[in-house]
Amino acid sequence: MDPIDPRDGHAEALEFRAAVDELKQLPPLLQEVVVMHSQTSRHQDVADLMGLSRQRVAQMLIQVAQRSRSSTRSDLRMSVPSPRRGPRACESWRTLPRNG
């Protein structure tokens, strides 16, 4: 993902909304770990606040990262046309109406 220009409030809002949507796809306990970790970078702090072991917090954050990577890969597979349809798919994209 390209870095967002800090002056571009619209792009920042879209990225935030996408992050929240992705967070909502997680089970509640993983959501809580992610939110807690966003406020403190130490796994031990998250573990202490949630009554978990530091190792469990680390394991859960790895699980979240793996889910995120796999969903990103599946999103990419859905958005990239099949090589067999390449020219036809590209042609259909050119004819889509554009906003703005």
PDB file of N, CA and C in Angstrom:
ATOM      1  N   MET A   1       0.845  -1.164   0.000  1.00  0.00           N
ATOM      2  CA  MET A   1       0.000   0.000   0.000  1.00  0.00           C
ATOM      3  C   MET A   1       0.899   1.238   0.000  1.00  0.00           C
ATOM      4  N   ASP A   2       0.580   2.212  -0.828  1.00  0.00           N
ATOM      5  CA  ASP A   2       1.355   3.442  -0.903  1.00  0.00           C
ATOM      6  C   ASP A   2       1.090   4.301   0.326  1.00  0.00           C
ATOM      7  N   PRO A   3       2.117   5.037   0.781  1.00  0.00           N
ATOM      8  CA  PRO A   3       1.882   5.939   1.908  1.00  0.00           C
ATOM      9  C   PRO A   3       0.881   7.027   1.517  1.00  0.00           C
ATOM     10  N   ILE A   4       0.113   7.450   2.483  1.00  0.00           N
ATOM     11  CA  ILE A   4      -0.908   8.461   2.235  1.00  0.00           C
ATOM     12  C   ILE A   4      -0.319   9.838   2.494  1.00  0.00           C
ATOM     13  N   ASP A   5      -0.610  10.752   1.605  1.00  0.00           N
ATOM     14  CA  ASP A   5      -0.205  12.142   1.786  1.00  0.00           C
ATOM     15  C   ASP A   5      -0.977  12.681   2.990  1.00  0.00           C
ATOM     16  N   PRO A   6      -0.275  13.163   4.030  1.00  0.00           N
ATOM     17  CA  PRO A   6      -0.975  13.621   5.235  1.00  0.00           C
ATOM     18  C   PRO A   6      -1.946  14.772   4.977  1.00  0.00           C
ATOM     19  N   ARG A   7      -1.784  15.455   3.855  1.00  0.00           N
ATOM     20  CA  ARG A   7      -2.699  16.548   3.521  1.00  0.00           C
ATOM     21  C   ARG A   7      -3.980  16.044   2.876  1.00  0.00           C
ATOM     22  N   ASP A   8      -4.001  14.759   2.520  1.00  0.00           N
ATOM     23  CA  ASP A   8      -5.161  14.191   1.835  1.00  0.00           C
ATOM     24  C   ASP A   8      -6.111  13.558   2.858  1.00  0.00           C
ATOM     25  N   GLY A   9      -6.984  14.378   3.428  1.00  0.00           N
ATOM     26  CA  GLY A   9      -7.907  13.907   4.458  1.00  0.00           C
ATOM     27  C   GLY A   9      -8.875  12.852   3.951  1.00  0.00           C
ATOM     28  N   HIS A  10      -9.275  12.947   2.682  1.00  0.00           N
ATOM     29  CA  HIS A  10     -10.212  11.971   2.115  1.00  0.00           C
ATOM     30  C   HIS A  10      -9.574  10.588   2.057  1.00  0.00           C
ATOM     31  N   ALA A  11      -8.345  10.519   1.567  1.00  0.00           N
ATOM     32  CA  ALA A  11      -7.654   9.222   1.483  1.00  0.00           C
ATOM     33  C   ALA A  11      -7.424   8.645   2.877  1.00  0.00           C
ATOM     34  N   GLU A  12      -7.103   9.507   3.821  1.00  0.00           N
ATOM     35  CA  GLU A  12      -6.890   9.051   5.195  1.00  0.00           C
ATOM     36  C   GLU A  12      -8.190   8.492   5.777  1.00  0.00           C
ATOM     37  N   ALA A  13      -9.294   9.160   5.521  1.00  0.00           N
ATOM     38  CA  ALA A  13     -10.593   8.683   6.010  1.00  0.00           C
ATOM     39  C   ALA A  13     -10.960   7.348   5.374  1.00  0.00           C
ATOM     40  N   LEU A  14     -10.691   7.194   4.086  1.00  0.00           N
ATOM     41  CA  LEU A  14     -10.974   5.926   3.404  1.00  0.00           C
ATOM     42  C   LEU A  14     -10.131   4.794   3.980  1.00  0.00           C
ATOM     43  N   GLU A  15      -8.854   5.072   4.235  1.00  0.00           N
ATOM     44  CA  GLU A  15      -7.977   4.038   4.805  1.00  0.00           C
ATOM     45  C   GLU A  15      -8.448   3.657   6.207  1.00  0.00           C
ATOM     46  N   PHE A  16      -8.839   4.649   6.994  1.00  0.00           N
ATOM     47  CA  PHE A  16      -9.336   4.370   8.341  1.00  0.00           C
ATOM     48  C   PHE A  16     -10.601   3.524   8.281  1.00  0.00           C
ATOM     49  N   ARG A  17     -11.507   3.893   7.396  1.00  0.00           N
ATOM     50  CA  ARG A  17     -12.764   3.140   7.249  1.00  0.00           C
ATOM     51  C   ARG A  17     -12.484   1.691   6.830  1.00  0.00           C
ATOM     52  N   ALA A  18     -11.524   1.499   5.922  1.00  0.00           N
ATOM     53  CA  ALA A  18     -11.158   0.143   5.497  1.00  0.00           C
ATOM     54  C   ALA A  18     -10.586  -0.651   6.666  1.00  0.00           C
ATOM     55  N   ALA A  19      -9.777   0.009   7.493  1.00  0.00           N
ATOM     56  CA  ALA A  19      -9.196  -0.665   8.659  1.00  0.00           C
ATOM     57  C   ALA A  19     -10.281  -1.076   9.649  1.00  0.00           C
ATOM     58  N   VAL A  20     -11.244  -0.197   9.878  1.00  0.00           N
ATOM     59  CA  VAL A  20     -12.354  -0.513  10.794  1.00  0.00           C
ATOM     60  C   VAL A  20     -13.186  -1.665  10.230  1.00  0.00           C
ATOM     61  N   ASP A  21     -13.442  -1.644   8.931  1.00  0.00           N
ATOM     62  CA  ASP A  21     -14.195  -2.744   8.309  1.00  0.00           C
ATOM     63  C   ASP A  21     -13.466  -4.067   8.480  1.00  0.00           C
ATOM     64  N   GLU A  22     -12.148  -4.042   8.304  1.00  0.00           N
ATOM     65  CA  GLU A  22     -11.357  -5.262   8.481  1.00  0.00           C
ATOM     66  C   GLU A  22     -11.383  -5.707   9.936  1.00  0.00           C
ATOM     67  N   LEU A  23     -11.307  -4.765  10.855  1.00  0.00           N
ATOM     68  CA  LEU A  23     -11.355  -5.081  12.285  1.00  0.00           C
ATOM     69  C   LEU A  23     -12.679  -5.758  12.643  1.00  0.00           C
ATOM     70  N   LYS A  24     -13.768  -5.289  12.055  1.00  0.00           N
ATOM     71  CA  LYS A  24     -15.091  -5.856  12.344  1.00  0.00           C
ATOM     72  C   LYS A  24     -15.223  -7.306  11.893  1.00  0.00           C
ATOM     73  N   GLN A  25     -14.349  -7.749  10.985  1.00  0.00           N
ATOM     74  CA  GLN A  25     -14.408  -9.128  10.502  1.00  0.00           C
ATOM     75  C   GLN A  25     -13.797 -10.113  11.506  1.00  0.00           C
ATOM     76  N   LEU A  26     -13.068  -9.589  12.489  1.00  0.00           N
ATOM     77  CA  LEU A  26     -12.402 -10.440  13.475  1.00  0.00           C
ATOM     78  C   LEU A  26     -13.351 -10.822  14.607  1.00  0.00           C
ATOM     79  N   PRO A  27     -13.076 -11.951  15.255  1.00  0.00           N
ATOM     80  CA  PRO A  27     -13.838 -12.304  16.459  1.00  0.00           C
ATOM     81  C   PRO A  27     -13.605 -11.238  17.543  1.00  0.00           C
ATOM     82  N   PRO A  28     -14.549 -11.076  18.459  1.00  0.00           N
ATOM     83  CA  PRO A  28     -14.456 -10.012  19.467  1.00  0.00           C
ATOM     84  C   PRO A  28     -13.141  -9.984  20.266  1.00  0.00           C
ATOM     85  N   LEU A  29     -12.628 -11.138  20.678  1.00  0.00           N
ATOM     86  CA  LEU A  29     -11.389 -11.146  21.460  1.00  0.00           C
ATOM     87  C   LEU A  29     -10.207 -10.622  20.640  1.00  0.00           C
ATOM     88  N   LEU A  30     -10.141 -11.005  19.370  1.00  0.00           N
ATOM     89  CA  LEU A  30      -9.066 -10.500  18.510  1.00  0.00           C
ATOM     90  C   LEU A  30      -9.239  -8.998  18.261  1.00  0.00           C
ATOM     91  N   GLN A  31     -10.472  -8.548  18.141  1.00  0.00           N
ATOM     92  CA  GLN A  31     -10.725  -7.113  17.990  1.00  0.00           C
ATOM     93  C   GLN A  31     -10.161  -6.351  19.191  1.00  0.00           C
ATOM     94  N   GLU A  32     -10.435  -6.883  20.373  1.00  0.00           N
ATOM     95  CA  GLU A  32      -9.977  -6.229  21.599  1.00  0.00           C
ATOM     96  C   GLU A  32      -8.448  -6.191  21.671  1.00  0.00           C
ATOM     97  N   VAL A  33      -7.811  -7.280  21.303  1.00  0.00           N
ATOM     98  CA  VAL A  33      -6.345  -7.323  21.320  1.00  0.00           C
ATOM     99  C   VAL A  33      -5.783  -6.281  20.345  1.00  0.00           C
ATOM    100  N   VAL A  34      -6.363  -6.188  19.167  1.00  0.00           N
ATOM    101  CA  VAL A  34      -5.874  -5.223  18.172  1.00  0.00           C
ATOM    102  C   VAL A  34      -6.044  -3.791  18.679  1.00  0.00           C
ATOM    103  N   VAL A  35      -7.200  -3.488  19.245  1.00  0.00           N
ATOM    104  CA  VAL A  35      -7.443  -2.131  19.754  1.00  0.00           C
ATOM    105  C   VAL A  35      -6.489  -1.819  20.897  1.00  0.00           C
ATOM    106  N   MET A  36      -6.331  -2.747  21.822  1.00  0.00           N
ATOM    107  CA  MET A  36      -5.394  -2.539  22.941  1.00  0.00           C
ATOM    108  C   MET A  36      -3.970  -2.332  22.418  1.00  0.00           C
ATOM    109  N   HIS A  37      -3.586  -3.152  21.445  1.00  0.00           N
ATOM    110  CA  HIS A  37      -2.228  -3.053  20.900  1.00  0.00           C
ATOM    111  C   HIS A  37      -2.033  -1.733  20.153  1.00  0.00           C
ATOM    112  N   SER A  38      -3.098  -1.168  19.619  1.00  0.00           N
ATOM    113  CA  SER A  38      -2.975   0.117  18.931  1.00  0.00           C
ATOM    114  C   SER A  38      -2.671   1.247  19.913  1.00  0.00           C
ATOM    115  N   GLN A  39      -2.982   1.018  21.191  1.00  0.00           N
ATOM    116  CA  GLN A  39      -2.756   2.040  22.205  1.00  0.00           C
ATOM    117  C   GLN A  39      -1.430   1.865  22.954  1.00  0.00           C
ATOM    118  N   THR A  40      -0.887   0.673  22.925  1.00  0.00           N
ATOM    119  CA  THR A  40       0.399   0.395  23.555  1.00  0.00           C
ATOM    120  C   THR A  40       1.144  -0.598  22.692  1.00  0.00           C
ATOM    121  N   SER A  41       2.410  -0.362  22.481  1.00  0.00           N
ATOM    122  CA  SER A  41       3.152  -1.243  21.572  1.00  0.00           C
ATOM    123  C   SER A  41       3.734  -2.472  22.269  1.00  0.00           C
ATOM    124  N   ARG A  42       3.628  -2.537  23.582  1.00  0.00           N
ATOM    125  CA  ARG A  42       4.214  -3.676  24.303  1.00  0.00           C
ATOM    126  C   ARG A  42       3.193  -4.788  24.497  1.00  0.00           C
ATOM    127  N   HIS A  43       3.568  -5.992  24.080  1.00  0.00           N
ATOM    128  CA  HIS A  43       2.684  -7.142  24.257  1.00  0.00           C
ATOM    129  C   HIS A  43       2.387  -7.372  25.735  1.00  0.00           C
ATOM    130  N   GLN A  44       3.377  -7.126  26.595  1.00  0.00           N
ATOM    131  CA  GLN A  44       3.176  -7.353  28.024  1.00  0.00           C
ATOM    132  C   GLN A  44       2.108  -6.419  28.585  1.00  0.00           C
ATOM    133  N   ASP A  45       2.061  -5.172  28.109  1.00  0.00           N
ATOM    134  CA  ASP A  45       1.028  -4.238  28.573  1.00  0.00           C
ATOM    135  C   ASP A  45      -0.361  -4.733  28.179  1.00  0.00           C
ATOM    136  N   VAL A  46      -0.496  -5.199  26.935  1.00  0.00           N
ATOM    137  CA  VAL A  46      -1.777  -5.737  26.468  1.00  0.00           C
ATOM    138  C   VAL A  46      -2.152  -6.956  27.297  1.00  0.00           C
ATOM    139  N   ALA A  47      -1.180  -7.826  27.536  1.00  0.00           N
ATOM    140  CA  ALA A  47      -1.422  -9.044  28.321  1.00  0.00           C
ATOM    141  C   ALA A  47      -1.890  -8.699  29.728  1.00  0.00           C
ATOM    142  N   ASP A  48      -1.220  -7.738  30.359  1.00  0.00           N
ATOM    143  CA  ASP A  48      -1.610  -7.347  31.716  1.00  0.00           C
ATOM    144  C   ASP A  48      -3.024  -6.779  31.756  1.00  0.00           C
ATOM    145  N   LEU A  49      -3.360  -5.937  30.790  1.00  0.00           N
ATOM    146  CA  LEU A  49      -4.686  -5.324  30.752  1.00  0.00           C
ATOM    147  C   LEU A  49      -5.793  -6.341  30.499  1.00  0.00           C
ATOM    148  N   MET A  50      -5.478  -7.375  29.714  1.00  0.00           N
ATOM    149  CA  MET A  50      -6.508  -8.340  29.326  1.00  0.00           C
ATOM    150  C   MET A  50      -6.479  -9.629  30.133  1.00  0.00           C
ATOM    151  N   GLY A  51      -5.485  -9.762  31.025  1.00  0.00           N
ATOM    152  CA  GLY A  51      -5.392 -10.987  31.818  1.00  0.00           C
ATOM    153  C   GLY A  51      -4.938 -12.188  31.013  1.00  0.00           C
ATOM    154  N   LEU A  52      -4.092 -11.944  30.004  1.00  0.00           N
ATOM    155  CA  LEU A  52      -3.561 -13.005  29.156  1.00  0.00           C
ATOM    156  C   LEU A  52      -2.042 -13.070  29.327  1.00  0.00           C
ATOM    157  N   SER A  53      -1.451 -14.138  28.832  1.00  0.00           N
ATOM    158  CA  SER A  53       0.014 -14.199  28.837  1.00  0.00           C
ATOM    159  C   SER A  53       0.550 -13.389  27.660  1.00  0.00           C
ATOM    160  N   ARG A  54       1.790 -12.928  27.805  1.00  0.00           N
ATOM    161  CA  ARG A  54       2.425 -12.178  26.723  1.00  0.00           C
ATOM    162  C   ARG A  54       2.517 -13.040  25.473  1.00  0.00           C
ATOM    163  N   GLN A  55       2.797 -14.325  25.641  1.00  0.00           N
ATOM    164  CA  GLN A  55       2.899 -15.236  24.503  1.00  0.00           C
ATOM    165  C   GLN A  55       1.559 -15.373  23.782  1.00  0.00           C
ATOM    166  N   ARG A  56       0.461 -15.410  24.547  1.00  0.00           N
ATOM    167  CA  ARG A  56      -0.866 -15.531  23.936  1.00  0.00           C
ATOM    168  C   ARG A  56      -1.204 -14.279  23.127  1.00  0.00           C
ATOM    169  N   VAL A  57      -0.843 -13.113  23.668  1.00  0.00           N
ATOM    170  CA  VAL A  57      -1.079 -11.868  22.943  1.00  0.00           C
ATOM    171  C   VAL A  57      -0.294 -11.878  21.631  1.00  0.00           C
ATOM    172  N   ALA A  58       0.981 -12.279  21.708  1.00  0.00           N
ATOM    173  CA  ALA A  58       1.811 -12.341  20.496  1.00  0.00           C
ATOM    174  C   ALA A  58       1.196 -13.298  19.480  1.00  0.00           C
ATOM    175  N   GLN A  59       0.743 -14.455  19.954  1.00  0.00           N
ATOM    176  CA  GLN A  59       0.133 -15.453  19.070  1.00  0.00           C
ATOM    177  C   GLN A  59      -1.133 -14.899  18.403  1.00  0.00           C
ATOM    178  N   MET A  60      -1.936 -14.172  19.156  1.00  0.00           N
ATOM    179  CA  MET A  60      -3.172 -13.613  18.614  1.00  0.00           C
ATOM    180  C   MET A  60      -2.871 -12.523  17.580  1.00  0.00           C
ATOM    181  N   LEU A  61      -1.853 -11.707  17.822  1.00  0.00           N
ATOM    182  CA  LEU A  61      -1.487 -10.669  16.856  1.00  0.00           C
ATOM    183  C   LEU A  61      -0.936 -11.281  15.570  1.00  0.00           C
ATOM    184  N   ILE A  62      -0.227 -12.380  15.692  1.00  0.00           N
ATOM    185  CA  ILE A  62       0.243 -13.099  14.504  1.00  0.00           C
ATOM    186  C   ILE A  62      -0.958 -13.630  13.723  1.00  0.00           C
ATOM    187  N   GLN A  63      -1.933 -14.167  14.445  1.00  0.00           N
ATOM    188  CA  GLN A  63      -3.150 -14.679  13.804  1.00  0.00           C
ATOM    189  C   GLN A  63      -3.865 -13.563  13.040  1.00  0.00           C
ATOM    190  N   VAL A  64      -3.943 -12.379  13.634  1.00  0.00           N
ATOM    191  CA  VAL A  64      -4.585 -11.235  12.974  1.00  0.00           C
ATOM    192  C   VAL A  64      -3.814 -10.866  11.710  1.00  0.00           C
ATOM    193  N   ALA A  65      -2.490 -10.817  11.804  1.00  0.00           N
ATOM    194  CA  ALA A  65      -1.668 -10.468  10.642  1.00  0.00           C
ATOM    195  C   ALA A  65      -1.849 -11.486   9.524  1.00  0.00           C
ATOM    196  N   GLN A  66      -1.906 -12.769   9.877  1.00  0.00           N
ATOM    197  CA  GLN A  66      -2.094 -13.799   8.861  1.00  0.00           C
ATOM    198  C   GLN A  66      -3.464 -13.674   8.199  1.00  0.00           C
ATOM    199  N   ARG A  67      -4.497 -13.386   8.974  1.00  0.00           N
ATOM    200  CA  ARG A  67      -5.836 -13.184   8.409  1.00  0.00           C
ATOM    201  C   ARG A  67      -5.834 -11.993   7.463  1.00  0.00           C
ATOM    202  N   SER A  68      -5.154 -10.937   7.869  1.00  0.00           N
ATOM    203  CA  SER A  68      -5.098  -9.722   7.055  1.00  0.00           C
ATOM    204  C   SER A  68      -4.395  -9.990   5.730  1.00  0.00           C
ATOM    205  N   ARG A  69      -3.270 -10.696   5.795  1.00  0.00           N
ATOM    206  CA  ARG A  69      -2.545 -11.019   4.560  1.00  0.00           C
ATOM    207  C   ARG A  69      -3.364 -11.904   3.646  1.00  0.00           C
ATOM    208  N   SER A  70      -4.052 -12.901   4.220  1.00  0.00           N
ATOM    209  CA  SER A  70      -4.829 -13.798   3.362  1.00  0.00           C
ATOM    210  C   SER A  70      -6.028 -13.076   2.758  1.00  0.00           C
ATOM    211  N   SER A  71      -6.649 -12.158   3.501  1.00  0.00           N
ATOM    212  CA  SER A  71      -7.776 -11.430   2.922  1.00  0.00           C
ATOM    213  C   SER A  71      -7.297 -10.455   1.859  1.00  0.00           C
ATOM    214  N   THR A  72      -6.112  -9.874   2.040  1.00  0.00           N
ATOM    215  CA  THR A  72      -5.558  -8.977   1.026  1.00  0.00           C
ATOM    216  C   THR A  72      -5.263  -9.758  -0.247  1.00  0.00           C
ATOM    217  N   ARG A  73      -4.702 -10.949  -0.102  1.00  0.00           N
ATOM    218  CA  ARG A  73      -4.418 -11.767  -1.290  1.00  0.00           C
ATOM    219  C   ARG A  73      -5.698 -12.145  -2.006  1.00  0.00           C
ATOM    220  N   SER A  74      -6.748 -12.495  -1.257  1.00  0.00           N
ATOM    221  CA  SER A  74      -7.995 -12.878  -1.933  1.00  0.00           C
ATOM    222  C   SER A  74      -8.638 -11.658  -2.578  1.00  0.00           C
ATOM    223  N   ASP A  75      -8.510 -10.474  -1.955  1.00  0.00           N
ATOM    224  CA  ASP A  75      -9.029  -9.252  -2.585  1.00  0.00           C
ATOM    225  C   ASP A  75      -8.298  -8.979  -3.888  1.00  0.00           C
ATOM    226  N   LEU A  76      -6.990  -9.187  -3.896  1.00  0.00           N
ATOM    227  CA  LEU A  76      -6.213  -8.965  -5.116  1.00  0.00           C
ATOM    228  C   LEU A  76      -6.623  -9.949  -6.205  1.00  0.00           C
ATOM    229  N   ARG A  77      -6.850 -11.211  -5.822  1.00  0.00           N
ATOM    230  CA  ARG A  77      -7.267 -12.205  -6.811  1.00  0.00           C
ATOM    231  C   ARG A  77      -8.603 -11.822  -7.423  1.00  0.00           C
ATOM    232  N   MET A  78      -9.493 -11.245  -6.617  1.00  0.00           N
ATOM    233  CA  MET A  78     -10.808 -10.875  -7.128  1.00  0.00           C
ATOM    234  C   MET A  78     -10.725  -9.648  -8.031  1.00  0.00           C
ATOM    235  N   SER A  79      -9.747  -8.744  -7.788  1.00  0.00           N
ATOM    236  CA  SER A  79      -9.726  -7.493  -8.539  1.00  0.00           C
ATOM    237  C   SER A  79      -8.862  -7.555  -9.794  1.00  0.00           C
ATOM    238  N   VAL A  80      -8.027  -8.576  -9.925  1.00  0.00           N
ATOM    239  CA  VAL A  80      -7.150  -8.680 -11.086  1.00  0.00           C
ATOM    240  C   VAL A  80      -7.791  -9.629 -12.094  1.00  0.00           C
ATOM    241  N   PRO A  81      -7.922  -9.198 -13.337  1.00  0.00           N
ATOM    242  CA  PRO A  81      -8.559 -10.074 -14.328  1.00  0.00           C
ATOM    243  C   PRO A  81      -7.705 -11.305 -14.612  1.00  0.00           C
ATOM    244  N   SER A  82      -8.367 -12.364 -14.973  1.00  0.00           N
ATOM    245  CA  SER A  82      -7.686 -13.594 -15.355  1.00  0.00           C
ATOM    246  C   SER A  82      -6.837 -13.340 -16.601  1.00  0.00           C
ATOM    247  N   PRO A  83      -5.629 -13.911 -16.653  1.00  0.00           N
ATOM    248  CA  PRO A  83      -4.802 -13.725 -17.848  1.00  0.00           C
ATOM    249  C   PRO A  83      -5.506 -14.199 -19.120  1.00  0.00           C
ATOM    250  N   ARG A  84      -6.382 -15.192 -19.006  1.00  0.00           N
ATOM    251  CA  ARG A  84      -7.092 -15.689 -20.185  1.00  0.00           C
ATOM    252  C   ARG A  84      -8.101 -14.669 -20.693  1.00  0.00           C
ATOM    253  N   ARG A  85      -8.574 -13.801 -19.793  1.00  0.00           N
ATOM    254  CA  ARG A  85      -9.567 -12.799 -20.191  1.00  0.00           C
ATOM    255  C   ARG A  85      -8.940 -11.437 -20.373  1.00  0.00           C
ATOM    256  N   GLY A  86      -7.639 -11.338 -20.188  1.00  0.00           N
ATOM    257  CA  GLY A  86      -6.927 -10.065 -20.157  1.00  0.00           C
ATOM    258  C   GLY A  86      -7.454  -8.977 -21.064  1.00  0.00           C
ATOM    259  N   PRO A  87      -7.360  -9.122 -22.379  1.00  0.00           N
ATOM    260  CA  PRO A  87      -7.792  -8.033 -23.261  1.00  0.00           C
ATOM    261  C   PRO A  87      -9.268  -7.694 -23.113  1.00  0.00           C
ATOM    262  N   ARG A  88     -10.117  -8.720 -22.984  1.00  0.00           N
ATOM    263  CA  ARG A  88     -11.555  -8.452 -22.849  1.00  0.00           C
ATOM    264  C   ARG A  88     -11.857  -7.772 -21.524  1.00  0.00           C
ATOM    265  N   ALA A  89     -11.215  -8.219 -20.445  1.00  0.00           N
ATOM    266  CA  ALA A  89     -11.457  -7.614 -19.136  1.00  0.00           C
ATOM    267  C   ALA A  89     -10.995  -6.169 -19.120  1.00  0.00           C
ATOM    268  N   CYS A  90      -9.821  -5.918 -19.677  1.00  0.00           N
ATOM    269  CA  CYS A  90      -9.315  -4.550 -19.725  1.00  0.00           C
ATOM    270  C   CYS A  90     -10.244  -3.666 -20.538  1.00  0.00           C
ATOM    271  N   GLU A  91     -10.768  -4.192 -21.614  1.00  0.00           N
ATOM    272  CA  GLU A  91     -11.688  -3.429 -22.452  1.00  0.00           C
ATOM    273  C   GLU A  91     -12.959  -3.087 -21.670  1.00  0.00           C
ATOM    274  N   SER A  92     -13.467  -4.050 -20.888  1.00  0.00           N
ATOM    275  CA  SER A  92     -14.687  -3.779 -20.125  1.00  0.00           C
ATOM    276  C   SER A  92     -14.420  -2.747 -19.040  1.00  0.00           C
ATOM    277  N   TRP A  93     -13.222  -2.724 -18.461  1.00  0.00           N
ATOM    278  CA  TRP A  93     -12.887  -1.715 -17.456  1.00  0.00           C
ATOM    279  C   TRP A  93     -12.883  -0.328 -18.083  1.00  0.00           C
ATOM    280  N   ARG A  94     -12.430  -0.213 -19.327  1.00  0.00           N
ATOM    281  CA  ARG A  94     -12.368   1.092 -19.972  1.00  0.00           C
ATOM    282  C   ARG A  94     -13.758   1.670 -20.208  1.00  0.00           C
ATOM    283  N   THR A  95     -14.746   0.799 -20.333  1.00  0.00           N
ATOM    284  CA  THR A  95     -16.094   1.285 -20.641  1.00  0.00           C
ATOM    285  C   THR A  95     -16.929   1.557 -19.392  1.00  0.00           C
ATOM    286  N   LEU A  96     -16.363   1.279 -18.189  1.00  0.00           N
ATOM    287  CA  LEU A  96     -17.108   1.560 -16.973  1.00  0.00           C
ATOM    288  C   LEU A  96     -17.271   3.054 -16.776  1.00  0.00           C
ATOM    289  N   PRO A  97     -18.415   3.485 -16.277  1.00  0.00           N
ATOM    290  CA  PRO A  97     -18.592   4.924 -16.016  1.00  0.00           C
ATOM    291  C   PRO A  97     -17.653   5.371 -14.912  1.00  0.00           C
ATOM    292  N   ARG A  98     -17.144   6.578 -15.036  1.00  0.00           N
ATOM    293  CA  ARG A  98     -16.215   7.114 -14.033  1.00  0.00           C
ATOM    294  C   ARG A  98     -16.867   8.267 -13.313  1.00  0.00           C
ATOM    295  N   ASN A  99     -16.624   8.316 -12.015  1.00  0.00           N
ATOM    296  CA  ASN A  99     -17.110   9.453 -11.206  1.00  0.00           C
ATOM    297  C   ASN A  99     -16.057  10.544 -11.191  1.00  0.00           C
ATOM    298  N   GLY A 100     -16.488  11.767 -11.244  1.00  0.00           N
ATOM    299  CA  GLY A 100     -15.571  12.877 -11.067  1.00  0.00           C
ATOM    300  C   GLY A 100     -15.026  13.364 -12.317  1.00  0.00           C
TER     301      GLY A 100
END
